[in-house]
Amino acid sequence: MRAPPERPELPERHELLRLDPAGWSELLHRRPDLAALPAVQAWSRSAYPVMCRRRLPDDPVEFWPAAIALPPSQGRLRLGLTLRPEHVAGVAPPPLLQEALEGNMVGKLPDAWRARSELALAAGGHFGFAPRLFGSAMWQCVTGLAYVRDSSDLDLLWPVLPRADAAMQLAGLLQALARIDREAAGPRLDGEIVFASVGAVNWKELVSAGQDDDILVKTRTDVRIMTRAQLAGLAACA
């Protein structure tokens, strides 16, 4: 986990942030509703990371937007937070799917869930993509708490690397993901294609959209509309 820069810039969506002890104290003092939740108190004592989310219009500009999701045993609450950047001790990307599976970092997985993970990983490797976890598997990976169930979605982030054949490789990946989701047994395959400096798009929208169809693009600070053709043109310079 890298240290935040001296002049902090808002991290990317889904990046993991670690608060220092003073940051947890400040947050819980400012948010008595969170301090009243035993699960959040335990989260702070364990120094689990929080996840950067998209900035909303009513978020104070001097704070970083973040969130945590509690496991099913603690009510599955999704809690929005705002953090003072000076109390963020480290920033890290979500775990790589390959590392999580090889190290069994997400604990005991349902057989169908693991099988679909391995198919997605193989598709990524064939087309030059390294998927990262988010959603229930990510939270289980970074906390050790039980999140993944038989009914869990497999949520993956697929960063697009800048290269000459990026658009062609992305097209191949999308076809492979659609085939896995349609034919293989197991949980629903969900997630986003991430275009650096542009934003992220649900991969199923890219599969179903025509060249001139509008697509929802999520950035760190807003939601934008672009066409599939515009995104394809950005793939090579992502």
Protein backbone atom coordinates (compact mmCIF):
# COMPACT_ATOMS: atom_id res chain seq x y z
CA MET A 1 0.00 0.00 0.00
CA ARG A 2 1.53 3.28 -1.12
CA ALA A 3 1.61 6.46 0.94
CA PRO A 4 -0.70 9.27 -0.18
CA PRO A 5 1.01 12.14 -2.08
CA GLU A 6 1.99 15.35 -0.33
CA ARG A 7 -0.69 17.21 -2.32
CA PRO A 8 -3.46 14.64 -2.19
CA GLU A 9 -5.50 13.93 -5.29
CA LEU A 10 -8.77 12.05 -4.98
CA PRO A 11 -8.04 8.31 -5.41
CA GLU A 12 -9.76 6.22 -8.04
CA ARG A 13 -13.08 4.54 -7.33
CA HIS A 14 -12.66 1.17 -5.57
CA GLU A 15 -9.14 1.95 -4.34
CA LEU A 16 -8.56 0.94 -0.73
CA LEU A 17 -7.68 3.55 1.88
CA ARG A 18 -6.16 2.95 5.32
CA LEU A 19 -6.93 5.49 8.01
CA ASP A 20 -4.48 6.22 10.78
CA PRO A 21 -5.77 5.98 14.40
CA ALA A 22 -6.32 9.73 14.59
CA GLY A 23 -8.39 9.53 11.42
CA TRP A 24 -10.69 6.91 12.90
CA SER A 25 -11.08 8.97 16.07
CA GLU A 26 -11.91 12.09 14.06
CA LEU A 27 -14.37 10.24 11.83
CA LEU A 28 -16.25 8.58 14.69
CA HIS A 29 -16.36 11.85 16.63
CA ARG A 30 -17.83 13.60 13.58
CA ARG A 31 -20.25 10.75 12.86
CA PRO A 32 -21.94 9.62 16.10
CA ASP A 33 -24.32 7.49 14.02
CA LEU A 34 -21.33 5.38 12.95
CA ALA A 35 -19.78 5.41 16.40
CA ALA A 36 -23.01 3.90 17.75
CA LEU A 37 -22.59 0.81 15.56
CA PRO A 38 -20.52 -1.94 17.28
CA ALA A 39 -19.54 -3.33 13.86
CA VAL A 40 -17.98 0.00 12.86
CA GLN A 41 -16.16 0.27 16.17
CA ALA A 42 -14.75 -3.22 15.57
CA TRP A 43 -13.81 -2.20 12.01
CA SER A 44 -11.81 0.75 13.30
CA ARG A 45 -10.08 -1.33 15.99
CA SER A 46 -9.08 -3.89 13.37
CA ALA A 47 -7.79 -1.11 11.07
CA TYR A 48 -9.58 -2.59 8.07
CA PRO A 49 -9.41 -0.45 4.93
CA VAL A 50 -12.28 1.55 3.51
CA MET A 51 -13.06 1.92 -0.19
CA CYS A 52 -12.98 5.13 -2.19
CA ARG A 53 -16.34 5.85 -3.82
CA ARG A 54 -17.59 8.41 -6.31
CA ARG A 55 -17.88 11.94 -4.96
CA LEU A 56 -21.50 13.06 -4.51
CA PRO A 57 -22.73 16.66 -4.84
CA ASP A 58 -23.20 17.10 -1.09
CA ASP A 59 -19.78 15.68 -0.11
CA PRO A 60 -17.50 18.39 1.32
CA VAL A 61 -14.72 19.16 -1.17
CA GLU A 62 -12.04 19.06 1.53
CA PHE A 63 -12.86 15.42 2.32
CA TRP A 64 -12.35 12.20 0.39
CA PRO A 65 -15.50 10.11 -0.20
CA ALA A 66 -15.34 6.51 1.01
CA ALA A 67 -17.51 3.59 2.04
CA ILE A 68 -17.55 0.30 3.88
CA ALA A 69 -19.88 -2.66 3.45
CA LEU A 70 -20.62 -4.81 6.47
CA PRO A 71 -20.87 -8.60 6.02
CA PRO A 72 -24.21 -10.46 5.98
CA SER A 73 -23.78 -11.48 9.62
CA GLN A 74 -23.72 -7.78 10.55
CA GLY A 75 -26.67 -6.66 8.46
CA ARG A 76 -25.02 -6.06 5.03
CA LEU A 77 -25.15 -2.31 5.65
CA ARG A 78 -23.42 -0.06 3.11
CA LEU A 79 -22.11 2.99 4.90
CA GLY A 80 -20.98 6.19 3.22
CA LEU A 81 -18.06 8.07 4.81
CA THR A 82 -15.97 11.17 4.21
CA LEU A 83 -12.32 11.23 5.24
CA ARG A 84 -9.75 13.93 5.87
CA PRO A 85 -6.93 13.19 3.37
CA GLU A 86 -4.23 13.99 5.92
CA HIS A 87 -5.38 10.98 7.97
CA VAL A 88 -5.13 8.51 5.08
CA ALA A 89 -1.97 6.52 5.76
CA GLY A 90 -2.01 4.47 2.55
CA VAL A 91 -3.76 3.89 -0.76
CA ALA A 92 -3.84 0.58 -2.66
CA PRO A 93 -5.67 -0.91 -5.64
CA PRO A 94 -8.16 -3.72 -5.02
CA PRO A 95 -6.63 -7.22 -4.90
CA LEU A 96 -5.84 -9.03 -8.13
CA LEU A 97 -8.13 -12.00 -8.74
CA GLN A 98 -5.14 -14.23 -9.53
CA GLU A 99 -3.38 -13.39 -6.25
CA ALA A 100 -6.59 -13.87 -4.28
CA LEU A 101 -7.20 -17.32 -5.75
CA GLU A 102 -3.59 -18.49 -5.54
CA GLY A 103 -3.26 -17.41 -1.93
CA ASN A 104 -6.83 -18.42 -1.06
CA MET A 105 -7.12 -14.88 0.28
CA VAL A 106 -10.89 -14.94 0.06
CA GLY A 107 -11.19 -18.02 2.23
CA LYS A 108 -13.36 -21.02 1.40
CA LEU A 109 -15.29 -20.28 -1.79
CA PRO A 110 -18.36 -22.09 -3.12
CA ASP A 111 -17.21 -24.51 -5.84
CA ALA A 112 -19.27 -22.83 -8.57
CA TRP A 113 -17.95 -19.41 -7.55
CA ARG A 114 -14.33 -20.56 -7.75
CA ALA A 115 -14.89 -22.31 -11.09
CA ARG A 116 -16.31 -19.18 -12.66
CA SER A 117 -13.47 -17.11 -11.19
CA GLU A 118 -10.95 -19.38 -12.88
CA LEU A 119 -12.76 -19.11 -16.23
CA ALA A 120 -12.78 -15.32 -15.99
CA LEU A 121 -9.10 -15.30 -15.05
CA ALA A 122 -8.24 -17.50 -18.03
CA ALA A 123 -10.17 -15.19 -20.37
CA GLY A 124 -8.33 -12.19 -18.98
CA GLY A 125 -4.97 -13.87 -19.43
CA HIS A 126 -5.74 -14.78 -23.04
CA PHE A 127 -6.58 -11.18 -23.98
CA GLY A 128 -4.01 -9.46 -21.76
CA PHE A 129 -6.22 -8.25 -18.88
CA ALA A 130 -5.56 -8.66 -15.15
CA PRO A 131 -8.90 -8.47 -13.30
CA ARG A 132 -9.20 -7.08 -9.80
CA LEU A 133 -11.83 -7.90 -7.21
CA PHE A 134 -14.50 -5.65 -5.82
CA GLY A 135 -17.79 -6.40 -4.12
CA SER A 136 -18.23 -9.24 -1.65
CA ALA A 137 -15.05 -11.12 -2.57
CA MET A 138 -12.93 -8.00 -2.21
CA TRP A 139 -14.30 -7.26 1.25
CA GLN A 140 -13.76 -10.88 2.32
CA CYS A 141 -10.23 -10.73 0.96
CA VAL A 142 -9.19 -7.59 2.86
CA THR A 143 -11.01 -8.26 6.14
CA GLY A 144 -11.14 -12.05 6.49
CA LEU A 145 -14.86 -11.74 7.36
CA ALA A 146 -17.44 -13.94 5.61
CA TYR A 147 -19.04 -12.15 2.65
CA VAL A 148 -19.09 -14.62 -0.25
CA ARG A 149 -22.10 -16.91 -0.51
CA ASP A 150 -23.48 -19.23 -3.19
CA SER A 151 -25.68 -16.38 -4.41
CA SER A 152 -22.87 -13.79 -4.53
CA ASP A 153 -22.03 -12.05 -7.81
CA LEU A 154 -18.46 -12.27 -9.08
CA ASP A 155 -17.61 -8.56 -9.33
CA LEU A 156 -14.46 -7.77 -11.29
CA LEU A 157 -12.66 -4.66 -12.51
CA TRP A 158 -10.92 -4.96 -15.89
CA PRO A 159 -8.34 -2.15 -16.37
CA VAL A 160 -7.63 -1.34 -20.04
CA LEU A 161 -3.92 -0.92 -20.72
CA PRO A 162 -2.68 1.61 -23.30
CA ARG A 163 -1.59 -0.38 -26.36
CA ALA A 164 -2.16 -0.38 -30.10
CA ASP A 165 -4.40 -3.46 -30.11
CA ALA A 166 -6.40 -2.49 -27.00
CA ALA A 167 -9.73 -2.12 -28.82
CA MET A 168 -9.39 -5.52 -30.51
CA GLN A 169 -8.35 -7.25 -27.29
CA LEU A 170 -11.20 -5.61 -25.40
CA ALA A 171 -13.69 -6.86 -27.99
CA GLY A 172 -12.35 -10.39 -27.53
CA LEU A 173 -12.58 -10.13 -23.75
CA LEU A 174 -16.19 -8.91 -23.90
CA GLN A 175 -17.18 -11.86 -26.11
CA ALA A 176 -15.47 -14.27 -23.71
CA LEU A 177 -17.15 -12.77 -20.63
CA ALA A 178 -20.56 -12.93 -22.30
CA ARG A 179 -19.99 -16.58 -23.19
CA ILE A 180 -18.91 -17.46 -19.64
CA ASP A 181 -21.89 -15.65 -18.15
CA ARG A 182 -24.28 -17.36 -20.59
CA GLU A 183 -22.93 -20.90 -20.59
CA ALA A 184 -20.94 -21.64 -17.43
CA ALA A 185 -22.56 -22.71 -14.19
CA GLY A 186 -22.19 -20.43 -11.19
CA PRO A 187 -23.00 -16.96 -9.96
CA ARG A 188 -23.65 -13.94 -12.12
CA LEU A 189 -20.53 -12.38 -13.64
CA ASP A 190 -20.62 -8.63 -13.10
CA GLY A 191 -18.17 -5.73 -13.11
CA GLU A 192 -16.66 -2.84 -15.00
CA ILE A 193 -14.19 -2.11 -17.79
CA VAL A 194 -11.91 0.67 -16.49
CA PHE A 195 -10.50 3.23 -18.92
CA ALA A 196 -7.73 5.17 -17.14
CA SER A 197 -8.34 8.93 -16.97
CA VAL A 198 -11.79 8.39 -18.53
CA GLY A 199 -13.97 6.28 -16.26
CA ALA A 200 -15.54 2.84 -15.90
CA VAL A 201 -18.37 1.13 -17.77
CA ASN A 202 -20.37 -1.98 -16.92
CA TRP A 203 -19.08 -4.63 -19.30
CA LYS A 204 -22.59 -5.87 -20.13
CA GLU A 205 -23.52 -2.41 -21.38
CA LEU A 206 -20.57 -2.53 -23.78
CA VAL A 207 -21.66 -5.95 -25.02
CA SER A 208 -25.24 -4.95 -25.75
CA ALA A 209 -24.71 -1.37 -27.00
CA GLY A 210 -24.45 -0.40 -30.65
CA GLN A 211 -21.75 1.97 -31.89
CA ASP A 212 -23.96 5.04 -31.50
CA ASP A 213 -25.80 3.98 -28.34
CA ASP A 214 -25.35 5.96 -25.13
CA ILE A 215 -23.38 4.28 -22.33
CA LEU A 216 -23.09 5.30 -18.68
CA VAL A 217 -19.50 6.13 -17.70
CA LYS A 218 -18.65 6.44 -14.00
CA THR A 219 -15.75 8.68 -12.95
CA ARG A 220 -14.34 9.72 -9.60
CA THR A 221 -16.59 12.76 -9.47
CA ASP A 222 -19.58 12.25 -11.75
CA VAL A 223 -21.49 10.09 -14.20
CA ARG A 224 -21.21 10.83 -17.93
CA ILE A 225 -22.79 9.65 -21.15
CA MET A 226 -20.62 8.53 -24.05
CA THR A 227 -21.21 6.38 -27.12
CA ARG A 228 -19.66 2.96 -27.61
CA ALA A 229 -17.73 4.33 -30.59
CA GLN A 230 -16.23 7.10 -28.44
CA LEU A 231 -15.10 4.58 -25.83
CA ALA A 232 -13.61 2.32 -28.47
CA GLY A 233 -11.55 5.27 -29.69
CA LEU A 234 -10.24 5.82 -26.17
CA ALA A 235 -9.18 2.21 -25.61
CA ALA A 236 -5.82 2.61 -27.36
CA CYS A 237 -4.89 5.64 -25.25
CA ALA A 238 -6.44 4.56 -21.94
